[in-house]
Structure formats: structure tokens, C-alpha cells
Amino acid sequence: MRLFAGTPFDQPPSCGQCGELEEDCTCPSTPTEVQPIPPALQTAHLSLERRKKGKSVTVIRGLQADGNDLPRLVTELKSRCGAGGTVKGDVIEIQGNHLERVDEHLRLVGYRLKR
């Protein structure tokens, strides 16, 4: 039963793609969810970059945004390193020189690594 069933605010569910009622919709089925890629099949490339004013940033490349939970991974890394960080597309950035800690954590999770 829907929240407003039987009231003037009741609106039957409609398709998000074509706008037709769900029972009248002829759109192909909704796209399947992206299957997660096992860490053992991925190689993360670690590097240290210098930013303006001499700031260091640990950068992780090579992990696809589709098939990975990068926001969860960056949260774990930030917690492990005690530093800030972000996800920009397919790139993870952790503030400071944390190559050893990031290397250790990614190996523990199961990723292959290159420096």
C-alpha cells in the first residue's frame, strides 16, 4: 500500500524514463547494477605528488569508479592515515606523504600495487 493511497494526493507510479504508468510502460528493463570488481584483479598505482607551497599528496590511480566503492575506500584510508582526502573521478588523493600506510592497507584489502 502506498503512502497516500485512497486520498486526492494518490498518484500511480510512473516510469522514470518515458513517464508512462508502470503497467503501460514498454521501456526495456532497468539497467543492471554494476558488478563489483574483485581487488585481486586490479592494480593500484601509488605515487607522491608535490603541490603548490610544497604540500605533498599521496595519489592512487588505476581503480575504476564503476565496480569499486571508492568513497568507502577513501574513508578507510583517511581514517588509517589520520589525514584528509578526496575522490576525483578515478583518482584518490590523500593529503600528506602516506605511501607506506596506503600501501599496507591496499595490500591488506587485496589490491595489487605498483609505485
Protein backbone atom coordinates (compact mmCIF):
# COMPACT_ATOMS: atom_id res chain seq x y z
CA MET A 1 0.00 0.00 0.00
CA ARG A 2 1.31 3.41 -0.96
CA LEU A 3 1.55 6.27 1.50
CA PHE A 4 -1.31 8.35 0.10
CA ALA A 5 -3.44 5.51 -1.33
CA GLY A 6 -7.11 6.48 -1.44
CA THR A 7 -6.50 10.22 -0.97
CA PRO A 8 -6.53 13.05 -3.53
CA PHE A 9 -2.69 13.04 -3.39
CA ASP A 10 -2.54 9.45 -4.63
CA GLN A 11 -0.55 9.23 -7.87
CA PRO A 12 0.06 5.89 -9.53
CA PRO A 13 3.76 5.02 -10.04
CA SER A 14 5.20 6.03 -13.40
CA CYS A 15 8.29 5.07 -15.39
CA GLY A 16 11.31 7.30 -14.83
CA GLN A 17 12.39 7.04 -18.48
CA CYS A 18 9.22 7.53 -20.54
CA GLY A 19 6.78 8.93 -17.95
CA GLU A 20 4.06 6.34 -18.72
CA LEU A 21 2.34 4.41 -15.96
CA GLU A 22 4.44 1.45 -14.85
CA GLU A 23 1.84 -1.06 -16.07
CA ASP A 24 1.73 0.62 -19.53
CA CYS A 25 5.50 1.16 -19.86
CA THR A 26 7.26 -0.58 -22.76
CA CYS A 27 10.80 0.56 -21.90
CA PRO A 28 13.46 -2.15 -21.62
CA SER A 29 14.12 -3.31 -18.08
CA THR A 30 16.15 -1.08 -15.83
CA PRO A 31 19.91 -1.33 -16.30
CA THR A 32 21.59 -3.98 -14.20
CA GLU A 33 23.78 -2.95 -11.33
CA VAL A 34 27.48 -2.85 -11.97
CA GLN A 35 29.14 -5.93 -10.53
CA PRO A 36 31.97 -5.18 -8.11
CA ILE A 37 35.44 -5.95 -9.44
CA PRO A 38 37.46 -8.14 -7.06
CA PRO A 39 40.52 -6.32 -5.67
CA ALA A 40 42.82 -9.19 -6.73
CA LEU A 41 42.08 -8.38 -10.40
CA GLN A 42 43.02 -4.68 -10.10
CA THR A 43 46.33 -2.87 -9.91
CA ALA A 44 46.55 0.39 -7.99
CA HIS A 45 49.31 2.82 -8.97
CA LEU A 46 50.68 4.76 -5.99
CA SER A 47 52.60 7.99 -6.33
CA LEU A 48 53.58 11.04 -4.34
CA GLU A 49 52.96 14.45 -5.91
CA ARG A 50 54.11 17.87 -4.83
CA ARG A 51 51.55 20.63 -4.90
CA LYS A 52 51.97 24.36 -4.56
CA LYS A 53 53.61 25.67 -1.40
CA GLY A 54 55.47 22.35 -1.01
CA LYS A 55 52.45 20.27 0.03
CA SER A 56 52.65 16.51 -0.58
CA VAL A 57 49.72 14.41 -1.77
CA THR A 58 49.57 10.61 -1.97
CA VAL A 59 47.76 9.71 -5.20
CA ILE A 60 46.16 6.36 -6.07
CA ARG A 61 45.28 5.74 -9.73
CA GLY A 62 44.14 2.72 -11.69
CA LEU A 63 40.99 1.82 -9.75
CA GLN A 64 37.80 2.20 -11.76
CA ALA A 65 34.98 4.20 -10.22
CA ASP A 66 32.49 1.70 -11.70
CA GLY A 67 32.81 -1.58 -9.87
CA ASN A 68 34.53 -0.12 -6.81
CA ASP A 69 33.23 1.66 -3.75
CA LEU A 70 35.83 4.43 -3.88
CA PRO A 71 34.11 6.70 -1.31
CA ARG A 72 34.21 3.85 1.22
CA LEU A 73 37.85 3.10 0.38
CA VAL A 74 38.91 6.74 0.73
CA THR A 75 37.13 6.91 4.10
CA GLU A 76 39.10 3.88 5.29
CA LEU A 77 42.37 5.38 4.04
CA LYS A 78 41.70 8.77 5.62
CA SER A 79 40.96 7.07 8.92
CA ARG A 80 44.07 4.90 8.66
CA CYS A 81 46.35 7.83 7.79
CA GLY A 82 44.74 10.43 10.02
CA ALA A 83 44.59 12.85 7.12
CA GLY A 84 42.13 14.41 4.72
CA GLY A 85 41.46 13.11 1.26
CA THR A 86 39.08 13.03 -1.67
CA VAL A 87 37.94 11.09 -4.73
CA LYS A 88 38.20 12.91 -8.06
CA GLY A 89 36.80 10.66 -10.78
CA ASP A 90 39.00 7.55 -10.77
CA VAL A 91 41.75 9.15 -8.64
CA ILE A 92 42.03 9.01 -4.85
CA GLU A 93 44.07 11.73 -3.14
CA ILE A 94 45.23 11.57 0.48
CA GLN A 95 46.82 14.69 1.96
CA GLY A 96 50.46 14.22 3.00
CA ASN A 97 53.13 11.59 2.44
CA HIS A 98 51.38 8.34 3.43
CA LEU A 99 52.76 5.92 0.83
CA GLU A 100 53.66 3.23 3.38
CA ARG A 101 50.32 3.28 5.20
CA VAL A 102 48.31 3.34 1.97
CA ASP A 103 50.47 0.54 0.52
CA GLU A 104 49.94 -1.57 3.64
CA HIS A 105 46.15 -1.03 3.68
CA LEU A 106 45.63 -1.71 -0.02
CA ARG A 107 47.68 -4.92 0.19
CA LEU A 108 45.61 -5.97 3.21
CA VAL A 109 42.40 -5.40 1.22
CA GLY A 110 43.82 -7.45 -1.68
CA TYR A 111 44.84 -4.97 -4.39
CA ARG A 112 47.98 -5.43 -6.48
CA LEU A 113 50.25 -2.38 -6.32
CA LYS A 114 52.75 -0.52 -8.46
CA ARG A 115 54.76 2.54 -7.49
